[in-house]
């Protein structure tokens, strides 16, 4: 009995370590947010997202300079080039946008070579960015890039370049409205709540 509990505990720990290591942003699902996830379960170099929510239009992806590896994980792309993602977003002219890009990846050789920081092909400049790297099981890594853009573009073209094996990419975005817009929204909702009582 003790032995089977140990096996079950080890299986839970291993499955936890091979899953994405970062929690979804607290704002996922909020008004103005999108998320899209690619798991690369087939050899399509222009895959649609496997999961997610984007009320503006479907996200698109293209893998250039890659070979599909069906026997790695549940399928992965060996990239020696770039992965391009197009994310449609809110057309409203908001002052700020936050983007999280998480990549589950493995180095292509013995040296640890991170995928390059995502390039966001929009007119606004990234005001700031952070990168968090977490080792996973079996030489896999999870890297989370957090980008802040100002002002808010209505779409993003994101590219990840380098030589790496990619198993999953998750992109979350949120358009953050001006404080006056939020204030007007709150002022409109409060009277509606009072009427209900």
Protein backbone atom coordinates (compact mmCIF):
# COMPACT_ATOMS: atom_id res chain seq x y z
CA UNK A 1 0.00 0.00 0.00
CA UNK A 2 2.84 2.38 0.87
CA UNK A 3 4.53 1.57 -2.44
CA UNK A 4 1.44 2.44 -4.53
CA UNK A 5 0.99 5.74 -2.63
CA UNK A 6 4.61 6.62 -3.48
CA UNK A 7 4.05 5.85 -7.15
CA UNK A 8 0.87 7.93 -7.21
CA UNK A 9 2.65 10.84 -5.49
CA UNK A 10 5.57 10.62 -7.95
CA UNK A 11 3.16 10.55 -10.92
CA UNK A 12 1.35 13.64 -9.64
CA UNK A 13 4.65 15.50 -9.13
CA UNK A 14 5.93 14.54 -12.60
CA UNK A 15 2.69 15.58 -14.30
CA UNK A 16 2.80 18.87 -12.38
CA UNK A 17 6.39 19.53 -13.46
CA UNK A 18 5.71 18.82 -17.13
CA UNK A 19 2.64 21.06 -17.22
CA UNK A 20 2.80 24.81 -17.71
CA UNK A 21 4.42 26.25 -14.62
CA UNK A 22 2.77 29.67 -14.55
CA UNK A 23 -0.76 30.38 -13.45
CA UNK A 24 -3.01 32.26 -15.83
CA UNK A 25 -3.05 36.01 -15.23
CA UNK A 26 -5.63 37.11 -12.66
CA UNK A 27 -7.25 39.22 -15.38
CA UNK A 28 -7.84 36.32 -17.81
CA UNK A 29 -11.53 36.40 -18.76
CA UNK A 30 -11.97 40.08 -17.85
CA UNK A 31 -13.46 42.55 -20.29
CA UNK A 32 -10.85 43.43 -22.91
CA UNK A 33 -8.78 40.26 -22.44
CA UNK A 34 -7.91 37.44 -24.85
CA UNK A 35 -6.02 34.20 -24.48
CA UNK A 36 -4.86 31.61 -26.96
CA UNK A 37 -2.97 28.34 -26.51
CA UNK A 38 -1.15 26.24 -29.08
CA UNK A 39 -0.21 22.63 -28.14
CA UNK A 40 1.29 21.57 -31.52
CA UNK A 41 -0.40 18.17 -31.75
CA UNK A 42 0.01 17.91 -35.55
CA UNK A 43 2.41 18.95 -38.31
CA UNK A 44 0.41 21.97 -39.52
CA UNK A 45 2.87 24.93 -39.80
CA UNK A 46 -0.10 27.37 -39.58
CA UNK A 47 -1.98 25.94 -36.60
CA UNK A 48 -5.14 27.42 -35.13
CA UNK A 49 -5.20 27.78 -31.33
CA UNK A 50 -6.05 24.54 -29.52
CA UNK A 51 -7.76 26.46 -26.73
CA UNK A 52 -8.55 30.00 -25.70
CA UNK A 53 -10.96 32.88 -26.07
CA UNK A 54 -10.68 35.83 -28.43
CA UNK A 55 -13.95 37.74 -29.03
CA UNK A 56 -12.35 39.96 -31.71
CA UNK A 57 -11.31 37.26 -34.24
CA UNK A 58 -9.33 34.02 -34.21
CA UNK A 59 -5.60 34.27 -33.56
CA UNK A 60 -3.24 32.95 -36.23
CA UNK A 61 0.23 31.39 -36.13
CA UNK A 62 2.91 30.49 -38.66
CA UNK A 63 6.07 28.45 -38.04
CA UNK A 64 8.93 29.27 -40.43
CA UNK A 65 12.12 27.20 -40.40
CA UNK A 66 10.82 24.30 -38.34
CA UNK A 67 10.50 20.51 -38.43
CA UNK A 68 7.63 18.75 -36.70
CA UNK A 69 8.64 16.10 -34.15
CA UNK A 70 5.59 13.84 -33.51
CA UNK A 71 7.41 11.58 -31.03
CA UNK A 72 8.52 14.38 -28.70
CA UNK A 73 6.05 15.08 -25.88
CA UNK A 74 2.64 14.93 -27.60
CA UNK A 75 4.16 16.65 -30.62
CA UNK A 76 6.56 19.58 -30.78
CA UNK A 77 8.24 21.81 -33.35
CA UNK A 78 12.01 21.92 -33.76
CA UNK A 79 12.42 25.60 -34.60
CA UNK A 80 15.47 27.00 -36.36
CA UNK A 81 13.81 30.19 -37.43
CA UNK A 82 10.72 31.96 -36.12
CA UNK A 83 7.24 31.38 -34.79
CA UNK A 84 4.89 34.25 -35.74
CA UNK A 85 1.57 34.90 -33.99
CA UNK A 86 -1.12 37.39 -34.99
CA UNK A 87 -3.47 38.36 -32.16
CA UNK A 88 -6.55 40.49 -33.02
CA UNK A 89 -7.61 42.71 -30.16
CA UNK A 90 -9.93 45.46 -29.01
CA UNK A 91 -10.19 48.29 -31.56
CA UNK A 92 -10.80 50.77 -28.72
CA UNK A 93 -8.05 53.34 -28.26
CA UNK A 94 -6.98 52.45 -24.72
CA UNK A 95 -3.77 53.85 -23.22
CA UNK A 96 -2.20 50.57 -22.07
CA UNK A 97 -1.91 46.86 -22.93
CA UNK A 98 -0.39 43.96 -21.04
CA UNK A 99 0.79 40.83 -22.88
CA UNK A 100 1.96 37.55 -21.33
CA UNK A 101 3.74 35.07 -23.62
CA UNK A 102 4.54 31.67 -22.09
CA UNK A 103 6.71 29.22 -24.01
CA UNK A 104 7.33 25.58 -23.00
CA UNK A 105 10.59 24.72 -24.72
CA UNK A 106 13.77 22.66 -24.72
CA UNK A 107 17.26 23.70 -25.87
CA UNK A 108 18.46 22.25 -29.19
CA UNK A 109 21.99 21.51 -27.96
CA UNK A 110 23.81 21.01 -24.68
CA UNK A 111 24.05 24.72 -23.92
CA UNK A 112 21.04 26.52 -22.50
CA UNK A 113 19.83 28.91 -25.19
CA UNK A 114 16.64 30.75 -24.42
CA UNK A 115 14.28 31.64 -27.23
CA UNK A 116 14.79 35.32 -28.03
CA UNK A 117 12.51 37.76 -26.25
CA UNK A 118 9.29 38.12 -28.25
CA UNK A 119 9.26 40.92 -30.78
CA UNK A 120 5.93 42.73 -30.87
CA UNK A 121 5.43 44.19 -34.33
CA UNK A 122 3.21 47.14 -33.54
CA UNK A 123 3.80 50.88 -33.55
CA UNK A 124 3.80 51.29 -29.74
CA UNK A 125 7.00 50.48 -27.95
CA UNK A 126 7.25 48.05 -25.07
CA UNK A 127 7.53 50.22 -21.97
CA UNK A 128 8.85 47.36 -19.92
CA UNK A 129 9.30 43.63 -20.05
CA UNK A 130 10.21 40.87 -17.63
CA UNK A 131 11.24 37.26 -18.14
CA UNK A 132 10.76 34.36 -15.73
CA UNK A 133 12.36 30.97 -16.47
CA UNK A 134 11.34 27.79 -14.63
CA UNK A 135 13.03 24.41 -15.19
CA UNK A 136 10.57 21.55 -15.76
CA UNK A 137 11.11 17.78 -15.99
CA UNK A 138 13.21 16.23 -18.75
CA UNK A 139 15.30 19.28 -19.79
CA UNK A 140 12.15 21.31 -20.55
CA UNK A 141 11.77 24.93 -19.50
CA UNK A 142 8.88 27.30 -19.12
CA UNK A 143 9.65 30.91 -19.94
CA UNK A 144 7.13 33.65 -19.26
CA UNK A 145 7.62 37.00 -20.97
CA UNK A 146 5.52 39.88 -19.61
CA UNK A 147 5.26 42.92 -21.87
CA UNK A 148 3.63 46.31 -21.27
CA UNK A 149 2.70 48.40 -24.31
CA UNK A 150 1.64 52.00 -24.47
CA UNK A 151 -0.62 53.01 -26.17
CA UNK A 152 -2.87 50.04 -26.83
CA UNK A 153 -2.69 48.62 -30.39
CA UNK A 154 -5.74 46.92 -31.91
CA UNK A 155 -3.66 43.88 -32.90
CA UNK A 156 -0.28 42.33 -32.19
CA UNK A 157 2.22 40.53 -34.39
CA UNK A 158 4.45 38.55 -32.04
CA UNK A 159 7.54 36.63 -33.19
CA UNK A 160 9.72 34.19 -31.25
CA UNK A 161 13.03 33.44 -32.96
CA UNK A 162 15.88 31.08 -32.15
CA UNK A 163 16.93 27.42 -32.22
CA UNK A 164 14.76 25.48 -29.80
CA UNK A 165 12.15 22.74 -29.49
CA UNK A 166 8.74 24.23 -28.66
CA UNK A 167 5.94 22.20 -27.05
CA UNK A 168 3.42 24.90 -26.14
CA UNK A 169 2.82 28.64 -26.49
CA UNK A 170 0.18 30.56 -24.53
CA UNK A 171 -0.49 34.25 -25.21
CA UNK A 172 -2.69 36.36 -22.93
CA UNK A 173 -3.52 40.01 -23.66
CA UNK A 174 -5.58 42.66 -21.94
CA UNK A 175 -6.46 46.17 -23.08
CA UNK A 176 -6.58 48.44 -20.05
CA UNK A 177 -8.99 51.39 -20.42
CA UNK A 178 -8.39 54.93 -19.22
CA UNK A 179 -9.33 55.54 -15.57
CA UNK A 180 -12.12 57.90 -16.70
CA UNK A 181 -13.67 55.11 -18.80
CA UNK A 182 -13.61 52.79 -15.79
CA UNK A 183 -15.12 55.53 -13.63
CA UNK A 184 -17.95 56.10 -16.14
CA UNK A 185 -18.61 52.35 -16.29
CA UNK A 186 -18.80 52.13 -12.49
CA UNK A 187 -21.08 55.18 -12.34
CA UNK A 188 -23.42 53.50 -14.83
CA UNK A 189 -23.48 50.13 -13.03
CA UNK A 190 -24.06 51.43 -9.47
CA UNK A 191 -27.52 52.95 -10.24
CA UNK A 192 -28.54 49.69 -11.94
CA UNK A 193 -27.62 47.73 -8.83
CA UNK A 194 -29.57 50.11 -6.61
CA UNK A 195 -32.69 49.70 -8.77
CA UNK A 196 -32.65 45.94 -8.24
CA UNK A 197 -32.99 46.32 -4.49
